[in-house]
């Protein structure tokens, strides 16, 4: 279950994806499969090859992409990997 973001933040994430940019969206999230994680960062891009190349630099596999028919395919970042990547990307404001 996702919460803690505004409709505007979601729209901005989608607009960046639509432009072919690598886009980040972090929100609170509860899932019993991952009880230690309280947030998730979705990293998306309409250009799948660009997204694969971006993920590769962080050891993310293309098989891990949540491929969406609506065009908003993305990686889900959780836990320590989420923190590591956001720090390297200079997006400390995404860490709560």
C-alpha atoms as a PDB file:
ATOM      1  CA  UNK A   1       0.000   0.000   0.000  1.00  0.00           C
ATOM      2  CA  UNK A   2       1.426   3.357  -1.068  1.00  0.00           C
ATOM      3  CA  UNK A   3       0.913   6.657   0.710  1.00  0.00           C
ATOM      4  CA  UNK A   4       2.710   9.900   1.534  1.00  0.00           C
ATOM      5  CA  UNK A   5       2.865  11.479  -1.925  1.00  0.00           C
ATOM      6  CA  UNK A   6       0.721  14.076  -3.591  1.00  0.00           C
ATOM      7  CA  UNK A   7      -1.040  13.784  -6.908  1.00  0.00           C
ATOM      8  CA  UNK A   8       1.283  16.544  -8.174  1.00  0.00           C
ATOM      9  CA  UNK A   9       4.407  14.542  -7.243  1.00  0.00           C
ATOM     10  CA  UNK A  10       3.030  11.528  -9.091  1.00  0.00           C
ATOM     11  CA  UNK A  11       2.213  13.655 -12.146  1.00  0.00           C
ATOM     12  CA  UNK A  12       5.717  15.165 -12.165  1.00  0.00           C
ATOM     13  CA  UNK A  13       7.253  11.664 -11.999  1.00  0.00           C
ATOM     14  CA  UNK A  14       5.118  10.541 -14.940  1.00  0.00           C
ATOM     15  CA  UNK A  15       5.948  13.681 -16.952  1.00  0.00           C
ATOM     16  CA  UNK A  16       9.686  13.060 -16.536  1.00  0.00           C
ATOM     17  CA  UNK A  17       9.233   9.463 -17.627  1.00  0.00           C
ATOM     18  CA  UNK A  18       7.217  10.608 -20.649  1.00  0.00           C
ATOM     19  CA  UNK A  19      10.138  12.879 -21.630  1.00  0.00           C
ATOM     20  CA  UNK A  20      12.527   9.905 -21.534  1.00  0.00           C
ATOM     21  CA  UNK A  21      14.237  11.013 -18.332  1.00  0.00           C
ATOM     22  CA  UNK A  22      15.251   8.799 -15.422  1.00  0.00           C
ATOM     23  CA  UNK A  23      12.671   9.754 -12.790  1.00  0.00           C
ATOM     24  CA  UNK A  24      12.630   9.103  -9.033  1.00  0.00           C
ATOM     25  CA  UNK A  25       9.600   8.884  -6.767  1.00  0.00           C
ATOM     26  CA  UNK A  26       9.862   7.898  -3.109  1.00  0.00           C
ATOM     27  CA  UNK A  27       6.836   7.215  -0.969  1.00  0.00           C
ATOM     28  CA  UNK A  28       5.861   5.446   2.197  1.00  0.00           C
ATOM     29  CA  UNK A  29       4.946   1.852   1.583  1.00  0.00           C
ATOM     30  CA  UNK A  30       3.833  -1.126   3.618  1.00  0.00           C
ATOM     31  CA  UNK A  31       4.140  -4.677   2.347  1.00  0.00           C
ATOM     32  CA  UNK A  32       4.218  -7.736   4.582  1.00  0.00           C
ATOM     33  CA  UNK A  33       6.813  -9.320   2.257  1.00  0.00           C
ATOM     34  CA  UNK A  34       9.285  -6.577   3.241  1.00  0.00           C
ATOM     35  CA  UNK A  35       8.547  -5.710   6.883  1.00  0.00           C
ATOM     36  CA  UNK A  36      11.860  -3.861   7.360  1.00  0.00           C
ATOM     37  CA  UNK A  37      11.116  -1.392   4.539  1.00  0.00           C
ATOM     38  CA  UNK A  38       8.913   1.616   5.198  1.00  0.00           C
ATOM     39  CA  UNK A  39       9.603   3.445   1.934  1.00  0.00           C
ATOM     40  CA  UNK A  40      10.178   2.508  -1.686  1.00  0.00           C
ATOM     41  CA  UNK A  41      11.750   4.535  -4.461  1.00  0.00           C
ATOM     42  CA  UNK A  42      10.443   3.931  -7.943  1.00  0.00           C
ATOM     43  CA  UNK A  43      13.003   4.728 -10.646  1.00  0.00           C
ATOM     44  CA  UNK A  44      11.368   4.837 -14.038  1.00  0.00           C
ATOM     45  CA  UNK A  45      11.984   5.729 -17.668  1.00  0.00           C
ATOM     46  CA  UNK A  46       9.969   5.228 -20.851  1.00  0.00           C
ATOM     47  CA  UNK A  47      13.173   4.216 -22.668  1.00  0.00           C
ATOM     48  CA  UNK A  48      13.682   0.717 -21.249  1.00  0.00           C
ATOM     49  CA  UNK A  49      17.235   0.417 -22.597  1.00  0.00           C
ATOM     50  CA  UNK A  50      18.163   3.673 -20.867  1.00  0.00           C
ATOM     51  CA  UNK A  51      16.614   2.358 -17.644  1.00  0.00           C
ATOM     52  CA  UNK A  52      18.512  -0.938 -17.977  1.00  0.00           C
ATOM     53  CA  UNK A  53      21.803   0.942 -18.511  1.00  0.00           C
ATOM     54  CA  UNK A  54      21.103   3.183 -15.516  1.00  0.00           C
ATOM     55  CA  UNK A  55      20.347   0.182 -13.302  1.00  0.00           C
ATOM     56  CA  UNK A  56      23.389  -1.746 -14.467  1.00  0.00           C
ATOM     57  CA  UNK A  57      25.738   0.804 -12.894  1.00  0.00           C
ATOM     58  CA  UNK A  58      24.183  -0.092  -9.523  1.00  0.00           C
ATOM     59  CA  UNK A  59      24.072  -3.841 -10.040  1.00  0.00           C
ATOM     60  CA  UNK A  60      20.357  -3.917 -10.848  1.00  0.00           C
ATOM     61  CA  UNK A  61      19.216  -6.569 -13.296  1.00  0.00           C
ATOM     62  CA  UNK A  62      16.848  -5.822 -16.163  1.00  0.00           C
ATOM     63  CA  UNK A  63      14.678  -8.717 -14.972  1.00  0.00           C
ATOM     64  CA  UNK A  64      13.901  -6.657 -11.877  1.00  0.00           C
ATOM     65  CA  UNK A  65      12.137  -3.946 -13.866  1.00  0.00           C
ATOM     66  CA  UNK A  66       8.417  -3.793 -13.182  1.00  0.00           C
ATOM     67  CA  UNK A  67       7.364  -3.613 -16.839  1.00  0.00           C
ATOM     68  CA  UNK A  68       4.123  -1.711 -17.135  1.00  0.00           C
ATOM     69  CA  UNK A  69       1.801  -1.599 -20.129  1.00  0.00           C
ATOM     70  CA  UNK A  70       0.974   2.016 -19.278  1.00  0.00           C
ATOM     71  CA  UNK A  71       4.584   3.029 -20.049  1.00  0.00           C
ATOM     72  CA  UNK A  72       5.633   3.688 -16.452  1.00  0.00           C
ATOM     73  CA  UNK A  73       8.057   0.793 -16.087  1.00  0.00           C
ATOM     74  CA  UNK A  74      10.391   1.128 -13.128  1.00  0.00           C
ATOM     75  CA  UNK A  75      12.796  -0.406 -10.655  1.00  0.00           C
ATOM     76  CA  UNK A  76      11.651  -0.599  -7.031  1.00  0.00           C
ATOM     77  CA  UNK A  77      14.441   0.331  -4.620  1.00  0.00           C
ATOM     78  CA  UNK A  78      14.209  -0.854  -1.030  1.00  0.00           C
ATOM     79  CA  UNK A  79      16.321  -0.932   2.096  1.00  0.00           C
ATOM     80  CA  UNK A  80      20.081  -0.508   1.987  1.00  0.00           C
ATOM     81  CA  UNK A  81      20.227  -0.536  -1.834  1.00  0.00           C
ATOM     82  CA  UNK A  82      17.675   2.281  -1.901  1.00  0.00           C
ATOM     83  CA  UNK A  83      19.780   4.338   0.502  1.00  0.00           C
ATOM     84  CA  UNK A  84      23.025   3.622  -1.357  1.00  0.00           C
ATOM     85  CA  UNK A  85      21.608   4.603  -4.750  1.00  0.00           C
ATOM     86  CA  UNK A  86      19.847   7.742  -3.530  1.00  0.00           C
ATOM     87  CA  UNK A  87      23.051   8.899  -1.841  1.00  0.00           C
ATOM     88  CA  UNK A  88      25.070   8.319  -5.030  1.00  0.00           C
ATOM     89  CA  UNK A  89      22.428  10.129  -7.088  1.00  0.00           C
ATOM     90  CA  UNK A  90      22.541  13.119  -4.717  1.00  0.00           C
ATOM     91  CA  UNK A  91      18.908  12.650  -3.742  1.00  0.00           C
ATOM     92  CA  UNK A  92      19.225  12.695   0.028  1.00  0.00           C
ATOM     93  CA  UNK A  93      15.901  14.561   0.228  1.00  0.00           C
ATOM     94  CA  UNK A  94      14.237  11.273  -0.775  1.00  0.00           C
ATOM     95  CA  UNK A  95      15.507   9.589   2.390  1.00  0.00           C
ATOM     96  CA  UNK A  96      13.130   9.972   5.338  1.00  0.00           C
END
